[in-house]
Amino acid sequence: MFFITKFARIGAQAARQLGATPHSTVQGRSFHLTSLLAKERRYTNKHEWVELEAGNKAIVGISSYAQEALGDVVFAQLPEPGTELKQDDECGALESVKAASEVYSPVSGKVTEKNAQVEDTPALVNSSCYEKGWLFKVHLKDPKEIESLMTEDQYKTFLSSSSDH
């Protein structure tokens, strides 16, 4: 019960900070904590994803489809922090027991961090491609580039529309 009460209190504080109005105060307008917590991923046709964070920062990784197609990842080469990337630049590589694949940057910007855990334990890409298996973080040069990428629904349609990926 303590957790639920504390969670509700945190939700109300977040609503006040964002200028949102709780549902009980104004009729016809509602506030949902899940909308604050949900992050939208965008996808490329090469199966990389990017997730926007605060302050023009983003996280980049590969999709579940890509990691399944690769098989067990045994080696990861990721871009070094400080590397300047343009959208669609080749910036790394993932190798598995059955294939190798280049990693392309879905956005332009400067690499701020690489996931050293993935380089040490490449299987994280297979076990947790959206959480622990992300590849690198980037400070976006042009945040509007994300708008040109596929939403999750568009990506699902893309995957189902053709077997030639």
Protein backbone atom coordinates (compact mmCIF):
# COMPACT_ATOMS: atom_id res chain seq x y z
CA MET A 1 0.00 0.00 0.00
CA PHE A 2 2.89 2.34 0.80
CA PHE A 3 4.23 1.93 -2.74
CA ILE A 4 0.88 2.83 -4.33
CA THR A 5 0.47 5.91 -2.12
CA LYS A 6 4.03 7.05 -2.79
CA PHE A 7 3.60 6.41 -6.55
CA ALA A 8 0.39 8.49 -6.56
CA ARG A 9 2.18 11.30 -4.71
CA ILE A 10 5.04 11.23 -7.24
CA GLY A 11 2.51 11.30 -10.08
CA ALA A 12 0.78 14.34 -8.63
CA GLN A 13 4.13 16.12 -8.18
CA ALA A 14 5.07 15.36 -11.79
CA ALA A 15 1.71 16.70 -12.95
CA ARG A 16 2.25 19.98 -11.08
CA GLN A 17 5.79 20.36 -12.49
CA LEU A 18 4.54 19.83 -16.04
CA GLY A 19 1.59 22.12 -15.59
CA ALA A 20 -0.85 19.25 -16.08
CA THR A 21 -4.18 19.32 -14.32
CA PRO A 22 -5.29 16.20 -12.44
CA HIS A 23 -8.51 14.59 -13.67
CA SER A 24 -10.43 15.31 -10.48
CA THR A 25 -9.88 19.09 -10.73
CA VAL A 26 -11.06 19.90 -14.24
CA GLN A 27 -13.84 17.98 -15.94
CA GLY A 28 -13.09 16.78 -19.46
CA ARG A 29 -9.33 16.95 -19.06
CA SER A 30 -7.30 14.08 -17.69
CA PHE A 31 -3.73 13.41 -16.69
CA HIS A 32 -2.15 10.00 -17.03
CA LEU A 33 1.24 9.23 -15.54
CA THR A 34 1.85 6.61 -18.24
CA SER A 35 1.97 9.34 -20.88
CA LEU A 36 4.92 10.86 -19.02
CA LEU A 37 6.75 7.58 -18.70
CA ALA A 38 6.20 6.24 -22.21
CA LYS A 39 9.02 6.95 -24.64
CA GLU A 40 8.50 6.72 -28.35
CA ARG A 41 10.99 4.76 -30.40
CA ARG A 42 11.53 5.51 -34.07
CA TYR A 43 12.95 3.00 -36.54
CA THR A 44 14.97 2.93 -39.74
CA ASN A 45 14.53 0.54 -42.66
CA LYS A 46 17.91 -0.93 -41.62
CA HIS A 47 16.38 -1.90 -38.25
CA GLU A 48 18.08 0.60 -35.95
CA TRP A 49 15.95 2.40 -33.41
CA VAL A 50 16.35 5.77 -31.72
CA GLU A 51 14.64 6.99 -28.56
CA LEU A 52 14.62 10.69 -27.69
CA GLU A 53 15.68 11.70 -24.20
CA ALA A 54 15.66 15.14 -22.58
CA GLY A 55 17.85 17.92 -23.94
CA ASN A 56 18.32 16.75 -27.55
CA LYS A 57 19.90 13.50 -26.42
CA ALA A 58 18.96 10.13 -27.83
CA ILE A 59 19.69 6.43 -27.36
CA VAL A 60 20.36 4.18 -30.36
CA GLY A 61 20.06 0.40 -30.69
CA ILE A 62 18.90 -2.35 -33.02
CA SER A 63 15.40 -3.75 -33.19
CA SER A 64 14.21 -7.09 -31.93
CA TYR A 65 13.74 -8.16 -35.56
CA ALA A 66 17.41 -7.36 -36.30
CA GLN A 67 18.79 -9.19 -33.29
CA GLU A 68 16.67 -12.25 -34.11
CA ALA A 69 17.90 -12.19 -37.72
CA LEU A 70 21.52 -11.93 -36.57
CA GLY A 71 21.33 -14.76 -34.08
CA ASP A 72 23.63 -14.93 -31.05
CA VAL A 73 25.74 -11.75 -31.09
CA VAL A 74 29.36 -12.53 -30.14
CA PHE A 75 31.14 -9.25 -31.01
CA ALA A 76 30.19 -5.57 -30.96
CA GLN A 77 32.18 -2.63 -32.30
CA LEU A 78 30.59 0.67 -31.29
CA PRO A 79 31.42 4.31 -32.12
CA GLU A 80 33.70 6.11 -29.69
CA PRO A 81 32.42 9.08 -27.66
CA GLY A 82 33.19 12.31 -29.49
CA THR A 83 32.58 10.80 -32.92
CA GLU A 84 30.54 13.09 -35.19
CA LEU A 85 27.92 11.15 -37.16
CA LYS A 86 25.62 12.04 -40.02
CA GLN A 87 22.29 10.31 -40.52
CA ASP A 88 22.85 6.90 -42.22
CA ASP A 89 26.62 6.87 -41.53
CA GLU A 90 28.11 3.44 -40.88
CA CYS A 91 29.32 3.67 -37.29
CA GLY A 92 29.88 0.17 -35.95
CA ALA A 93 29.40 -3.52 -36.44
CA LEU A 94 27.72 -6.50 -34.79
CA GLU A 95 28.87 -10.04 -35.46
CA SER A 96 27.10 -13.26 -34.62
CA VAL A 97 27.92 -16.92 -35.09
CA LYS A 98 26.05 -16.86 -38.42
CA ALA A 99 26.34 -13.30 -39.79
CA ALA A 100 27.88 -9.85 -39.50
CA SER A 101 26.05 -6.58 -39.83
CA GLU A 102 27.05 -2.94 -39.95
CA VAL A 103 25.41 -0.47 -37.59
CA TYR A 104 24.17 2.77 -39.14
CA SER A 105 23.35 5.95 -37.27
CA PRO A 106 19.65 6.79 -37.54
CA VAL A 107 20.38 10.45 -36.71
CA SER A 108 23.09 13.10 -37.01
CA GLY A 109 25.00 14.19 -33.95
CA LYS A 110 27.92 13.63 -31.61
CA VAL A 111 28.33 10.33 -29.77
CA THR A 112 28.30 11.03 -26.03
CA GLU A 113 28.50 7.48 -24.71
CA LYS A 114 28.86 3.92 -25.95
CA ASN A 115 27.47 0.94 -24.09
CA ALA A 116 30.68 -0.68 -22.85
CA GLN A 117 28.60 -3.49 -21.33
CA VAL A 118 27.54 -4.51 -24.86
CA GLU A 119 31.15 -4.57 -26.00
CA ASP A 120 32.04 -6.74 -22.97
CA THR A 121 28.89 -8.89 -23.16
CA PRO A 122 27.51 -8.71 -26.73
CA ALA A 123 24.70 -11.16 -25.88
CA LEU A 124 22.92 -8.26 -24.13
CA VAL A 125 21.80 -7.21 -27.62
CA ASN A 126 19.90 -10.51 -27.87
CA SER A 127 18.54 -10.65 -24.34
CA SER A 128 17.56 -6.97 -23.94
CA CYS A 129 17.86 -5.02 -27.19
CA TYR A 130 15.67 -2.14 -25.95
CA GLU A 131 16.87 -1.80 -22.36
CA LYS A 132 20.33 -3.13 -21.44
CA GLY A 133 21.42 -3.83 -25.03
CA TRP A 134 21.32 -0.29 -26.42
CA LEU A 135 24.40 0.62 -28.46
CA PHE A 136 25.26 4.29 -28.03
CA LYS A 137 23.94 7.69 -26.99
CA VAL A 138 24.14 10.76 -29.16
CA HIS A 139 23.58 14.51 -28.79
CA LEU A 140 21.34 15.33 -31.74
CA LYS A 141 22.45 17.88 -34.30
CA ASP A 142 18.96 18.10 -35.82
CA PRO A 143 16.17 16.67 -33.61
CA LYS A 144 13.70 16.99 -36.51
CA GLU A 145 15.45 14.07 -38.25
CA ILE A 146 13.62 11.75 -35.87
CA GLU A 147 10.30 12.80 -37.44
CA SER A 148 11.38 11.27 -40.76
CA LEU A 149 11.84 7.83 -39.16
CA MET A 150 9.13 5.19 -38.80
CA THR A 151 6.89 5.02 -35.75
CA GLU A 152 6.49 1.63 -34.11
CA ASP A 153 3.22 1.01 -36.01
CA GLN A 154 4.82 2.04 -39.31
CA TYR A 155 7.78 -0.23 -38.58
CA LYS A 156 5.49 -3.19 -37.88
CA THR A 157 3.74 -2.54 -41.20
CA PHE A 158 7.13 -2.32 -42.92
CA LEU A 159 8.14 -5.68 -41.46
CA SER A 160 4.90 -7.36 -42.53
CA SER A 161 4.85 -5.80 -46.02
CA SER A 162 7.91 -7.53 -47.41
CA SER A 163 10.20 -10.44 -46.67
CA ASP A 164 13.15 -8.63 -48.27
CA HIS A 165 14.62 -6.70 -45.34
